Amino acid sequence: MEVKEMETPRVTIRPAFRREAAYFWRQIYHSRAWKQFDAPYIPLEPVSFWSFRFGLFRRFIVGDSAKVICVDERPVGYVTFYWEDKRTRWLEVGITIFDPADWGRGIGRRALTLWVDELFRCQTLNRIGLTTWSGNPGMMRCAKALGMKEEGRLRSVRFFQGEYYDALRFGVLREEWYGLHHASTQPGINSVSLDAQPVPLAAASTMHKHHTLV
């Protein structure tokens, strides 16, 4: 019997369309499967649709600090960035993928690769970081797969459902990123998109600072 290989999903990132506001509002505030791994120790207070549409969702539409993740044109989540300290050029990224059926397929890794690559091209900075917790092993694996290094671990500082977890900081320097993902490109020189197509210029501020679900 012929065995078909699993196709690699085509992952892209882009600014949101206005018509997608209701979808993201429902997924963020009412379909909460993702929240069990994305900083569940920090409550996420619901907001009205109109507050979301004319508030936080505007960042998705503008597309400079948040973008939609698409798999074969289907929106499945988003990537964000926030300034931990803009004066010293300390930037962190975040990611959320909503449906558990989309977890573990490499979607988060691909989306973050596109996002980090774009940020290094469009921002004047030397490091990009990612913060997560030890209760999210998928995000830890993703960060390492991207070439990020574990730079810090605060042990047992997250207490959740009767257990203590560690807080973790990952990061990658510009020269490390270009060495891993653009071996033929010198650090500091603009590179082409990883998908060989134009990328519109676009953890956290992320919508919710700790979005780190893969």
C-alpha atoms as a PDB file:
ATOM      1  CA  MET A   1       0.000   0.000   0.000  1.00  0.00           C
ATOM      2  CA  GLU A   2       1.343   3.387  -0.960  1.00  0.00           C
ATOM      3  CA  VAL A   3       2.120   5.631   2.004  1.00  0.00           C
ATOM      4  CA  LYS A   4       1.744   9.327   1.368  1.00  0.00           C
ATOM      5  CA  GLU A   5       4.174  11.694   2.994  1.00  0.00           C
ATOM      6  CA  MET A   6       2.641  14.387   5.161  1.00  0.00           C
ATOM      7  CA  GLU A   7       2.746  17.649   3.264  1.00  0.00           C
ATOM      8  CA  THR A   8       4.542  20.560   4.857  1.00  0.00           C
ATOM      9  CA  PRO A   9       2.007  23.352   5.373  1.00  0.00           C
ATOM     10  CA  ARG A  10       2.633  26.625   3.581  1.00  0.00           C
ATOM     11  CA  VAL A  11       3.017  29.193   6.354  1.00  0.00           C
ATOM     12  CA  THR A  12       2.911  32.935   5.759  1.00  0.00           C
ATOM     13  CA  ILE A  13       2.475  36.039   7.897  1.00  0.00           C
ATOM     14  CA  ARG A  14       0.588  39.171   6.893  1.00  0.00           C
ATOM     15  CA  PRO A  15      -1.416  42.128   8.282  1.00  0.00           C
ATOM     16  CA  ALA A  16      -5.015  41.312   9.215  1.00  0.00           C
ATOM     17  CA  PHE A  17      -8.064  42.086   7.122  1.00  0.00           C
ATOM     18  CA  ARG A  18     -10.798  44.125   8.792  1.00  0.00           C
ATOM     19  CA  ARG A  19     -13.292  41.334   8.167  1.00  0.00           C
ATOM     20  CA  GLU A  20     -11.242  39.017  10.425  1.00  0.00           C
ATOM     21  CA  ALA A  21     -11.906  40.994  13.617  1.00  0.00           C
ATOM     22  CA  ALA A  22     -14.749  38.752  14.808  1.00  0.00           C
ATOM     23  CA  TYR A  23     -12.707  35.608  14.235  1.00  0.00           C
ATOM     24  CA  PHE A  24      -9.783  36.860  16.315  1.00  0.00           C
ATOM     25  CA  TRP A  25     -12.036  38.231  19.043  1.00  0.00           C
ATOM     26  CA  ARG A  26     -13.726  34.830  19.424  1.00  0.00           C
ATOM     27  CA  GLN A  27     -10.475  32.884  19.334  1.00  0.00           C
ATOM     28  CA  ILE A  28      -8.686  35.099  21.851  1.00  0.00           C
ATOM     29  CA  TYR A  29     -11.448  35.620  24.384  1.00  0.00           C
ATOM     30  CA  HIS A  30     -13.834  32.686  23.971  1.00  0.00           C
ATOM     31  CA  SER A  31     -11.911  29.725  22.477  1.00  0.00           C
ATOM     32  CA  ARG A  32      -9.323  29.434  25.177  1.00  0.00           C
ATOM     33  CA  ALA A  33      -7.512  26.154  24.478  1.00  0.00           C
ATOM     34  CA  TRP A  34      -4.322  28.102  23.723  1.00  0.00           C
ATOM     35  CA  LYS A  35      -4.384  29.803  27.132  1.00  0.00           C
ATOM     36  CA  GLN A  36      -3.510  26.596  28.995  1.00  0.00           C
ATOM     37  CA  PHE A  37       0.071  26.986  27.767  1.00  0.00           C
ATOM     38  CA  ASP A  38       0.244  30.725  27.140  1.00  0.00           C
ATOM     39  CA  ALA A  39       0.902  32.222  30.592  1.00  0.00           C
ATOM     40  CA  PRO A  40      -2.226  30.679  32.191  1.00  0.00           C
ATOM     41  CA  TYR A  41      -1.133  32.105  35.555  1.00  0.00           C
ATOM     42  CA  ILE A  42      -1.986  35.601  34.234  1.00  0.00           C
ATOM     43  CA  PRO A  43      -5.769  36.100  33.869  1.00  0.00           C
ATOM     44  CA  LEU A  44      -7.034  37.327  30.520  1.00  0.00           C
ATOM     45  CA  GLU A  45      -9.975  39.644  31.054  1.00  0.00           C
ATOM     46  CA  PRO A  46     -12.597  39.582  28.263  1.00  0.00           C
ATOM     47  CA  VAL A  47     -13.406  42.766  26.363  1.00  0.00           C
ATOM     48  CA  SER A  48     -16.337  43.662  24.132  1.00  0.00           C
ATOM     49  CA  PHE A  49     -16.050  43.068  20.411  1.00  0.00           C
ATOM     50  CA  TRP A  50     -16.106  46.776  19.621  1.00  0.00           C
ATOM     51  CA  SER A  51     -13.431  47.555  22.194  1.00  0.00           C
ATOM     52  CA  PHE A  52     -11.274  44.882  20.588  1.00  0.00           C
ATOM     53  CA  ARG A  53     -12.096  45.924  17.017  1.00  0.00           C
ATOM     54  CA  PHE A  54     -11.213  49.582  17.489  1.00  0.00           C
ATOM     55  CA  GLY A  55      -8.480  48.970  20.028  1.00  0.00           C
ATOM     56  CA  LEU A  56      -6.050  46.068  20.041  1.00  0.00           C
ATOM     57  CA  PHE A  57      -7.098  44.694  16.656  1.00  0.00           C
ATOM     58  CA  ARG A  58      -5.855  47.852  14.977  1.00  0.00           C
ATOM     59  CA  ARG A  59      -2.322  46.569  15.580  1.00  0.00           C
ATOM     60  CA  PHE A  60      -3.136  43.495  13.500  1.00  0.00           C
ATOM     61  CA  ILE A  61      -4.436  45.657  10.649  1.00  0.00           C
ATOM     62  CA  VAL A  62      -1.434  47.997  10.676  1.00  0.00           C
ATOM     63  CA  GLY A  63       0.860  44.980  10.727  1.00  0.00           C
ATOM     64  CA  ASP A  64       3.980  46.614  12.136  1.00  0.00           C
ATOM     65  CA  SER A  65       4.029  45.014  15.602  1.00  0.00           C
ATOM     66  CA  ALA A  66       1.589  42.131  15.076  1.00  0.00           C
ATOM     67  CA  LYS A  67       0.745  39.920  12.099  1.00  0.00           C
ATOM     68  CA  VAL A  68      -1.601  37.091  11.268  1.00  0.00           C
ATOM     69  CA  ILE A  69      -0.215  33.574  10.810  1.00  0.00           C
ATOM     70  CA  CYS A  70      -1.775  31.773   7.832  1.00  0.00           C
ATOM     71  CA  VAL A  71      -1.546  28.140   6.796  1.00  0.00           C
ATOM     72  CA  ASP A  72      -2.463  27.803   3.128  1.00  0.00           C
ATOM     73  CA  GLU A  73      -4.196  31.210   3.423  1.00  0.00           C
ATOM     74  CA  ARG A  74      -6.174  30.120   6.509  1.00  0.00           C
ATOM     75  CA  PRO A  75      -5.587  32.297   9.621  1.00  0.00           C
ATOM     76  CA  VAL A  76      -4.510  30.178  12.593  1.00  0.00           C
ATOM     77  CA  GLY A  77      -2.922  32.649  15.032  1.00  0.00           C
ATOM     78  CA  TYR A  78      -0.585  35.595  15.189  1.00  0.00           C
ATOM     79  CA  VAL A  79       2.940  36.789  15.945  1.00  0.00           C
ATOM     80  CA  THR A  80       3.787  39.947  17.866  1.00  0.00           C
ATOM     81  CA  PHE A  81       6.655  41.924  19.288  1.00  0.00           C
ATOM     82  CA  TYR A  82       7.051  44.302  22.201  1.00  0.00           C
ATOM     83  CA  TRP A  83       9.791  46.543  23.529  1.00  0.00           C
ATOM     84  CA  GLU A  84      11.129  45.458  26.886  1.00  0.00           C
ATOM     85  CA  ASP A  85      13.195  48.667  26.702  1.00  0.00           C
ATOM     86  CA  LYS A  86      13.086  50.625  23.451  1.00  0.00           C
ATOM     87  CA  ARG A  87      15.814  53.032  24.571  1.00  0.00           C
ATOM     88  CA  THR A  88      18.313  50.182  24.732  1.00  0.00           C
ATOM     89  CA  ARG A  89      16.825  48.298  21.738  1.00  0.00           C
ATOM     90  CA  TRP A  90      15.626  45.318  23.797  1.00  0.00           C
ATOM     91  CA  LEU A  91      12.865  43.637  21.775  1.00  0.00           C
ATOM     92  CA  GLU A  92      10.920  40.434  22.502  1.00  0.00           C
ATOM     93  CA  VAL A  93       8.677  38.354  20.259  1.00  0.00           C
ATOM     94  CA  GLY A  94       5.563  36.337  21.001  1.00  0.00           C
ATOM     95  CA  ILE A  95       3.320  33.886  19.173  1.00  0.00           C
ATOM     96  CA  THR A  96      -0.128  32.353  19.623  1.00  0.00           C
ATOM     97  CA  ILE A  97      -1.649  29.498  17.610  1.00  0.00           C
ATOM     98  CA  PHE A  98      -5.259  28.880  18.546  1.00  0.00           C
ATOM     99  CA  ASP A  99      -6.325  25.353  17.576  1.00  0.00           C
ATOM    100  CA  PRO A 100      -4.585  22.347  19.196  1.00  0.00           C
ATOM    101  CA  ALA A 101      -4.925  20.573  15.823  1.00  0.00           C
ATOM    102  CA  ASP A 102      -2.344  23.053  14.482  1.00  0.00           C
ATOM    103  CA  TRP A 103       0.162  22.474  17.273  1.00  0.00           C
ATOM    104  CA  GLY A 104       3.210  20.280  16.739  1.00  0.00           C
ATOM    105  CA  ARG A 105       3.162  20.680  12.941  1.00  0.00           C
ATOM    106  CA  GLY A 106       6.072  23.105  12.674  1.00  0.00           C
ATOM    107  CA  ILE A 107       3.738  26.036  12.004  1.00  0.00           C
ATOM    108  CA  GLY A 108       4.948  28.052  14.962  1.00  0.00           C
ATOM    109  CA  ARG A 109       8.591  27.512  14.094  1.00  0.00           C
ATOM    110  CA  ARG A 110       8.050  28.589  10.500  1.00  0.00           C
ATOM    111  CA  ALA A 111       6.006  31.641  11.478  1.00  0.00           C
ATOM    112  CA  LEU A 112       8.573  32.768  14.030  1.00  0.00           C
ATOM    113  CA  THR A 113      11.370  32.256  11.509  1.00  0.00           C
ATOM    114  CA  LEU A 114       9.614  34.609   9.105  1.00  0.00           C
ATOM    115  CA  TRP A 115       8.873  37.102  11.879  1.00  0.00           C
ATOM    116  CA  VAL A 116      12.349  37.200  13.410  1.00  0.00           C
ATOM    117  CA  ASP A 117      13.892  37.445   9.962  1.00  0.00           C
ATOM    118  CA  GLU A 118      11.642  40.382   9.105  1.00  0.00           C
ATOM    119  CA  LEU A 119      12.347  42.159  12.375  1.00  0.00           C
ATOM    120  CA  PHE A 120      16.101  41.911  11.931  1.00  0.00           C
ATOM    121  CA  ARG A 121      15.682  43.405   8.462  1.00  0.00           C
ATOM    122  CA  CYS A 122      13.346  46.198   9.530  1.00  0.00           C
ATOM    123  CA  GLN A 123      14.537  47.129  13.031  1.00  0.00           C
ATOM    124  CA  THR A 124      17.854  48.527  14.207  1.00  0.00           C
ATOM    125  CA  LEU A 125      18.759  46.041  16.916  1.00  0.00           C
ATOM    126  CA  ASN A 126      21.292  43.332  17.677  1.00  0.00           C
ATOM    127  CA  ARG A 127      19.209  40.827  19.650  1.00  0.00           C
ATOM    128  CA  ILE A 128      15.698  39.397  19.621  1.00  0.00           C
ATOM    129  CA  GLY A 129      14.382  37.615  22.682  1.00  0.00           C
ATOM    130  CA  LEU A 130      11.569  35.286  23.644  1.00  0.00           C
ATOM    131  CA  THR A 131      10.208  34.687  27.142  1.00  0.00           C
ATOM    132  CA  THR A 132       8.289  31.563  28.175  1.00  0.00           C
ATOM    133  CA  TRP A 133       7.849  29.180  31.122  1.00  0.00           C
ATOM    134  CA  SER A 134       8.727  25.554  31.768  1.00  0.00           C
ATOM    135  CA  GLY A 135       5.054  24.579  31.505  1.00  0.00           C
ATOM    136  CA  ASN A 136       5.261  25.181  27.760  1.00  0.00           C
ATOM    137  CA  PRO A 137       7.757  22.611  26.436  1.00  0.00           C
ATOM    138  CA  GLY A 138       6.607  23.176  22.849  1.00  0.00           C
ATOM    139  CA  MET A 139       7.697  26.802  22.990  1.00  0.00           C
ATOM    140  CA  MET A 140      11.025  25.828  24.520  1.00  0.00           C
ATOM    141  CA  ARG A 141      11.673  23.350  21.692  1.00  0.00           C
ATOM    142  CA  CYS A 142      10.647  25.926  19.117  1.00  0.00           C
ATOM    143  CA  ALA A 143      13.027  28.558  20.493  1.00  0.00           C
ATOM    144  CA  LYS A 144      15.932  26.118  20.416  1.00  0.00           C
ATOM    145  CA  ALA A 145      15.031  24.949  16.899  1.00  0.00           C
ATOM    146  CA  LEU A 146      15.214  28.564  15.741  1.00  0.00           C
ATOM    147  CA  GLY A 147      18.757  28.811  17.066  1.00  0.00           C
ATOM    148  CA  MET A 148      17.881  30.807  20.171  1.00  0.00           C
ATOM    149  CA  LYS A 149      19.966  30.219  23.270  1.00  0.00           C
ATOM    150  CA  GLU A 150      18.665  29.843  26.782  1.00  0.00           C
ATOM    151  CA  GLU A 151      20.025  32.984  28.411  1.00  0.00           C
ATOM    152  CA  GLY A 152      18.350  32.861  31.775  1.00  0.00           C
ATOM    153  CA  ARG A 153      16.192  30.664  33.998  1.00  0.00           C
ATOM    154  CA  LEU A 154      14.434  31.800  37.150  1.00  0.00           C
ATOM    155  CA  ARG A 155      13.596  28.654  39.036  1.00  0.00           C
ATOM    156  CA  SER A 156      10.181  28.055  40.624  1.00  0.00           C
ATOM    157  CA  VAL A 157       8.850  31.592  40.143  1.00  0.00           C
ATOM    158  CA  ARG A 158       5.572  30.587  38.456  1.00  0.00           C
ATOM    159  CA  PHE A 159       3.090  28.865  40.766  1.00  0.00           C
ATOM    160  CA  PHE A 160       0.164  27.374  38.868  1.00  0.00           C
ATOM    161  CA  GLN A 161      -2.382  24.720  39.850  1.00  0.00           C
ATOM    162  CA  GLY A 162      -0.357  23.547  42.824  1.00  0.00           C
ATOM    163  CA  GLU A 163       3.018  23.324  41.061  1.00  0.00           C
ATOM    164  CA  TYR A 164       6.054  25.572  40.657  1.00  0.00           C
ATOM    165  CA  TYR A 165       7.469  26.307  37.208  1.00  0.00           C
ATOM    166  CA  ASP A 166      10.534  28.133  35.914  1.00  0.00           C
ATOM    167  CA  ALA A 167      10.554  31.337  33.884  1.00  0.00           C
ATOM    168  CA  LEU A 168      12.887  31.194  30.877  1.00  0.00           C
ATOM    169  CA  ARG A 169      14.551  33.750  28.627  1.00  0.00           C
ATOM    170  CA  PHE A 170      15.758  32.831  25.146  1.00  0.00           C
ATOM    171  CA  GLY A 171      17.555  35.080  22.684  1.00  0.00           C
ATOM    172  CA  VAL A 172      19.441  35.209  19.412  1.00  0.00           C
ATOM    173  CA  LEU A 173      21.935  37.797  18.164  1.00  0.00           C
ATOM    174  CA  ARG A 174      21.857  39.227  14.670  1.00  0.00           C
ATOM    175  CA  GLU A 175      25.120  37.578  13.629  1.00  0.00           C
ATOM    176  CA  GLU A 176      23.950  34.230  15.011  1.00  0.00           C
ATOM    177  CA  TRP A 177      20.661  34.495  13.117  1.00  0.00           C
ATOM    178  CA  TYR A 178      22.304  35.355   9.820  1.00  0.00           C
ATOM    179  CA  GLY A 179      24.859  32.609  10.312  1.00  0.00           C
ATOM    180  CA  LEU A 180      22.107  30.026  10.794  1.00  0.00           C
ATOM    181  CA  HIS A 181      19.474  31.233   8.338  1.00  0.00           C
ATOM    182  CA  HIS A 182      21.340  33.372   5.805  1.00  0.00           C
ATOM    183  CA  ALA A 183      24.805  31.914   5.589  1.00  0.00           C
ATOM    184  CA  SER A 184      25.586  33.794   2.371  1.00  0.00           C
ATOM    185  CA  THR A 185      24.375  37.142   3.707  1.00  0.00           C
ATOM    186  CA  GLN A 186      26.511  39.390   5.874  1.00  0.00           C
ATOM    187  CA  PRO A 187      24.947  40.489   9.176  1.00  0.00           C
ATOM    188  CA  GLY A 188      23.451  43.939   8.966  1.00  0.00           C
ATOM    189  CA  ILE A 189      22.723  43.651   5.224  1.00  0.00           C
ATOM    190  CA  ASN A 190      19.096  43.373   4.146  1.00  0.00           C
ATOM    191  CA  SER A 191      18.151  39.887   2.996  1.00  0.00           C
ATOM    192  CA  VAL A 192      15.309  38.548   0.901  1.00  0.00           C
ATOM    193  CA  SER A 193      12.242  36.922   2.417  1.00  0.00           C
ATOM    194  CA  LEU A 194      12.491  33.286   3.392  1.00  0.00           C
ATOM    195  CA  ASP A 195       9.602  32.487   1.072  1.00  0.00           C
ATOM    196  CA  ALA A 196      11.181  34.223  -1.935  1.00  0.00           C
ATOM    197  CA  GLN A 197       8.220  36.588  -2.047  1.00  0.00           C
ATOM    198  CA  PRO A 198       7.755  40.154  -0.751  1.00  0.00           C
ATOM    199  CA  VAL A 199       6.989  40.346   2.969  1.00  0.00           C
ATOM    200  CA  PRO A 200       4.881  43.422   3.799  1.00  0.00           C
ATOM    201  CA  LEU A 201       6.615  45.473   6.499  1.00  0.00           C
ATOM    202  CA  ALA A 202       4.982  45.151   9.587  1.00  0.00           C
ATOM    203  CA  ALA A 203       5.269  37.723  23.965  1.00  0.00           C
ATOM    204  CA  ALA A 204       5.428  41.430  23.911  1.00  0.00           C
ATOM    205  CA  SER A 205       3.857  45.409  23.162  1.00  0.00           C
ATOM    206  CA  THR A 206       2.119  42.037  22.311  1.00  0.00           C
ATOM    207  CA  MET A 207      -1.621  42.049  22.739  1.00  0.00           C
ATOM    208  CA  HIS A 208      -1.032  40.151  25.918  1.00  0.00           C
ATOM    209  CA  LYS A 209       2.621  40.332  26.793  1.00  0.00           C
ATOM    210  CA  HIS A 210       3.187  36.626  27.370  1.00  0.00           C
ATOM    211  CA  HIS A 211       1.778  35.046  24.206  1.00  0.00           C
ATOM    212  CA  THR A 212       4.174  32.206  23.561  1.00  0.00           C
ATOM    213  CA  LEU A 213       2.121  29.245  22.396  1.00  0.00           C
ATOM    214  CA  VAL A 214       3.316  26.944  19.619  1.00  0.00           C
END
